[in-house]
Amino acid sequence: REYVYYRCSNYNRPGHPRTRLTEAEVESQVFALFDSLRVEDDDFRQTIREELRKDSNGGQRAAAARAKERQDELVLIRRHQDRLLNLRILEEIEANTFAAKSQELRDREAELKMEIDFADRDRHEIIDLAVKAFELSQSLRERWFTADFSAKRKMLEIVCLNWRLDDVTLVPTTRKPFDLLIEGPPEKASRGDRT
């Protein structure tokens, strides 16, 4: 019969606790995390969607600003290429200098085109990713049962930045916006609590 145990990567470091957890203990704690991500409250679910939209819009604005900066630099590079060509035509620079500088400008032009393309794609994919992340968070437990080891690892990487072992408890550091899901809906003030 085979038993699977998990331990901290610092397990063999001198002075580090020698705690090991069974696979069932780890899964139980992972399921507790997944359950904390589930949103049952319709109002809070709408709040999450609005937050995702705001974050996505901010990301889109940042991507658009990056694309604009790269576009402006691309225009400047093309002006430099024109000036360089004119200097060569007028024989004010040597062929070797022209070739080296021309190659440098072409390389930078290619980099900028790639960065602009990436920023444009990034803008269009941000909202899709945010929505997919939220949808994923609502079905992690169900997906876990049919996932292989690498898919399980990917799920944990999507939700968490890191994990630490505190005695026998796994303590996750969650990524945004999953941290908002864990915090849950804000407490609604009762009518008598007007502050």
Protein backbone atom coordinates (compact mmCIF):
# COMPACT_ATOMS: atom_id res chain seq x y z
CA ARG A 1 0.00 0.00 0.00
CA GLU A 2 1.34 3.44 -0.94
CA TYR A 3 0.97 6.61 1.14
CA VAL A 4 1.61 10.10 -0.21
CA TYR A 5 3.01 12.80 2.09
CA TYR A 6 3.81 16.45 1.41
CA ARG A 7 6.38 18.59 3.15
CA CYS A 8 7.90 22.06 2.94
CA SER A 9 10.75 22.50 0.46
CA ASN A 10 12.91 23.62 3.44
CA TYR A 11 12.21 20.34 5.24
CA ASN A 12 15.87 19.31 5.35
CA ARG A 13 17.20 22.72 6.40
CA PRO A 14 18.71 22.64 9.92
CA GLY A 15 16.28 23.93 12.54
CA HIS A 16 13.29 23.78 10.19
CA PRO A 17 10.20 21.90 11.48
CA ARG A 18 9.98 18.39 10.11
CA THR A 19 6.23 18.48 9.53
CA ARG A 20 4.68 16.29 6.86
CA LEU A 21 1.07 16.24 5.74
CA THR A 22 -0.85 13.40 4.17
CA GLU A 23 -2.37 13.92 0.76
CA ALA A 24 -5.84 13.90 2.36
CA GLU A 25 -4.80 16.67 4.82
CA VAL A 26 -3.44 18.81 1.99
CA GLU A 27 -6.53 18.29 -0.16
CA SER A 28 -8.81 19.11 2.77
CA GLN A 29 -7.03 22.47 3.22
CA VAL A 30 -7.03 23.15 -0.53
CA PHE A 31 -10.78 22.45 -0.61
CA ALA A 32 -11.28 24.88 2.26
CA LEU A 33 -9.52 27.54 0.15
CA PHE A 34 -11.64 26.70 -2.89
CA ASP A 35 -14.81 26.86 -0.81
CA SER A 36 -13.79 30.29 0.48
CA LEU A 37 -13.66 31.51 -3.14
CA ARG A 38 -17.24 30.48 -3.93
CA VAL A 39 -19.68 33.37 -4.04
CA GLU A 40 -23.24 32.61 -2.98
CA ASP A 41 -24.41 36.20 -2.38
CA ASP A 42 -25.80 37.69 -5.64
CA ASP A 43 -25.02 41.27 -4.56
CA PHE A 44 -21.42 40.39 -3.79
CA ARG A 45 -21.13 38.45 -7.04
CA GLN A 46 -22.17 41.64 -8.85
CA THR A 47 -19.60 43.63 -6.80
CA ILE A 48 -16.91 41.18 -7.92
CA ARG A 49 -17.92 41.61 -11.56
CA GLU A 50 -17.78 45.41 -11.18
CA GLU A 51 -14.34 45.19 -9.55
CA LEU A 52 -13.11 42.94 -12.34
CA ARG A 53 -14.47 45.40 -14.90
CA LYS A 54 -12.74 48.32 -13.15
CA ASP A 55 -9.46 46.43 -12.87
CA SER A 56 -9.78 45.33 -16.50
CA ASN A 57 -10.51 48.87 -17.64
CA GLY A 58 -7.45 50.08 -15.73
CA GLY A 59 -5.38 47.37 -17.37
CA GLN A 60 -6.75 48.31 -20.76
CA ARG A 61 -5.88 51.97 -20.21
CA ALA A 62 -2.35 51.02 -19.17
CA ALA A 63 -1.96 48.76 -22.22
CA ALA A 64 -3.29 51.52 -24.49
CA ALA A 65 -0.84 54.00 -22.96
CA ARG A 66 2.04 51.56 -23.52
CA ALA A 67 0.96 51.04 -27.13
CA LYS A 68 0.78 54.83 -27.69
CA GLU A 69 4.28 55.33 -26.22
CA ARG A 70 5.67 52.59 -28.47
CA GLN A 71 3.85 54.06 -31.50
CA ASP A 72 5.36 57.50 -30.81
CA GLU A 73 8.81 55.96 -30.52
CA LEU A 74 8.25 54.05 -33.76
CA VAL A 75 7.47 57.32 -35.59
CA LEU A 76 10.72 58.77 -34.19
CA ILE A 77 12.72 55.70 -35.30
CA ARG A 78 11.33 56.04 -38.83
CA ARG A 79 12.36 59.71 -38.91
CA HIS A 80 15.88 58.69 -37.85
CA GLN A 81 15.95 56.10 -40.64
CA ASP A 82 14.98 58.78 -43.19
CA ARG A 83 17.66 61.18 -41.90
CA LEU A 84 20.25 58.42 -41.92
CA LEU A 85 19.41 57.53 -45.52
CA ASN A 86 19.66 61.20 -46.55
CA LEU A 87 23.07 61.48 -44.89
CA ARG A 88 24.26 58.42 -46.80
CA ILE A 89 22.87 59.73 -50.11
CA LEU A 90 24.73 63.00 -49.51
CA GLU A 91 27.82 60.90 -48.66
CA GLU A 92 28.14 62.60 -45.27
CA ILE A 93 28.59 59.24 -43.54
CA GLU A 94 30.55 56.13 -44.54
CA ALA A 95 28.91 52.96 -45.79
CA ASN A 96 29.99 50.94 -42.72
CA THR A 97 28.56 53.53 -40.31
CA PHE A 98 25.35 53.67 -42.33
CA ALA A 99 25.00 49.87 -42.34
CA ALA A 100 25.61 49.53 -38.59
CA LYS A 101 23.25 52.35 -37.60
CA SER A 102 20.62 51.23 -40.12
CA GLN A 103 20.67 47.71 -38.65
CA GLU A 104 20.34 49.12 -35.12
CA LEU A 105 17.30 51.18 -36.15
CA ARG A 106 15.67 48.23 -37.97
CA ASP A 107 16.15 46.03 -34.90
CA ARG A 108 14.54 48.65 -32.66
CA GLU A 109 11.70 49.09 -35.17
CA ALA A 110 11.01 45.35 -35.08
CA GLU A 111 11.04 45.35 -31.26
CA LEU A 112 8.59 48.25 -31.14
CA LYS A 113 6.23 46.60 -33.63
CA MET A 114 6.23 43.47 -31.51
CA GLU A 115 5.57 45.46 -28.31
CA ILE A 116 2.70 47.35 -29.98
CA ASP A 117 1.16 44.09 -31.17
CA PHE A 118 1.51 42.59 -27.68
CA ALA A 119 -0.06 45.66 -26.03
CA ASP A 120 -3.01 45.53 -28.46
CA ARG A 121 -3.58 41.83 -27.81
CA ASP A 122 -3.15 42.43 -24.07
CA ARG A 123 -5.91 45.06 -24.14
CA HIS A 124 -8.35 42.69 -25.80
CA GLU A 125 -7.54 39.70 -23.61
CA ILE A 126 -7.67 41.38 -20.19
CA ILE A 127 -11.43 41.26 -19.73
CA ASP A 128 -11.67 37.68 -21.04
CA LEU A 129 -8.99 36.56 -18.59
CA ALA A 130 -10.68 38.31 -15.66
CA VAL A 131 -14.04 36.71 -16.41
CA LYS A 132 -12.47 33.28 -16.94
CA ALA A 133 -10.59 33.58 -13.64
CA PHE A 134 -13.82 34.37 -11.80
CA GLU A 135 -15.65 31.49 -13.51
CA LEU A 136 -12.77 29.17 -12.67
CA SER A 137 -12.88 30.19 -9.02
CA GLN A 138 -16.51 29.12 -8.83
CA SER A 139 -15.80 25.55 -9.98
CA LEU A 140 -12.33 24.71 -8.66
CA ARG A 141 -13.45 21.91 -6.34
CA GLU A 142 -15.31 20.11 -9.14
CA ARG A 143 -12.38 20.52 -11.54
CA TRP A 144 -9.89 19.22 -8.94
CA PHE A 145 -11.41 15.73 -8.92
CA THR A 146 -10.87 15.18 -12.65
CA ALA A 147 -7.52 16.99 -12.96
CA ASP A 148 -4.13 15.36 -13.23
CA PHE A 149 -1.18 16.51 -11.11
CA SER A 150 0.01 19.24 -13.53
CA ALA A 151 -3.53 20.65 -13.92
CA LYS A 152 -3.92 20.75 -10.12
CA ARG A 153 -0.63 22.59 -9.83
CA LYS A 154 -1.77 25.08 -12.49
CA MET A 155 -5.03 25.72 -10.61
CA LEU A 156 -3.08 26.49 -7.44
CA GLU A 157 -0.66 28.76 -9.35
CA ILE A 158 -3.58 30.70 -10.86
CA VAL A 159 -5.16 31.34 -7.46
CA CYS A 160 -2.09 31.68 -5.24
CA LEU A 161 1.20 33.51 -5.34
CA ASN A 162 2.75 31.32 -2.68
CA TRP A 163 2.06 28.90 0.17
CA ARG A 164 3.75 28.52 3.52
CA LEU A 165 3.40 25.79 6.08
CA ASP A 166 2.55 27.02 9.59
CA ASP A 167 2.80 23.91 11.80
CA VAL A 168 0.24 21.66 10.04
CA THR A 169 -1.69 24.45 8.34
CA LEU A 170 -1.14 25.56 4.75
CA VAL A 171 -1.30 29.35 4.54
CA PRO A 172 -1.85 30.65 1.00
CA THR A 173 -1.01 34.10 -0.34
CA THR A 174 -3.72 34.61 -2.91
CA ARG A 175 -3.55 36.60 -6.12
CA LYS A 176 -5.90 39.45 -6.96
CA PRO A 177 -8.90 39.35 -7.38
CA PHE A 178 -9.13 36.04 -5.49
CA ASP A 179 -8.19 37.79 -2.25
CA LEU A 180 -11.39 39.83 -2.56
CA LEU A 181 -13.41 36.62 -2.90
CA ILE A 182 -11.85 35.21 0.28
CA GLU A 183 -12.61 38.36 2.25
CA GLY A 184 -16.24 37.93 1.29
CA PRO A 185 -18.97 40.54 1.15
CA PRO A 186 -18.58 43.54 3.41
CA GLU A 187 -20.78 43.52 6.49
CA LYS A 188 -23.98 45.41 5.85
CA ALA A 189 -24.56 48.06 8.50
CA SER A 190 -27.84 47.76 10.31
CA ARG A 191 -30.20 50.71 10.25
CA GLY A 192 -29.27 51.67 13.82
CA ASP A 193 -25.51 51.74 13.03
CA ARG A 194 -25.19 54.99 11.15
CA THR A 195 -21.69 56.28 11.64
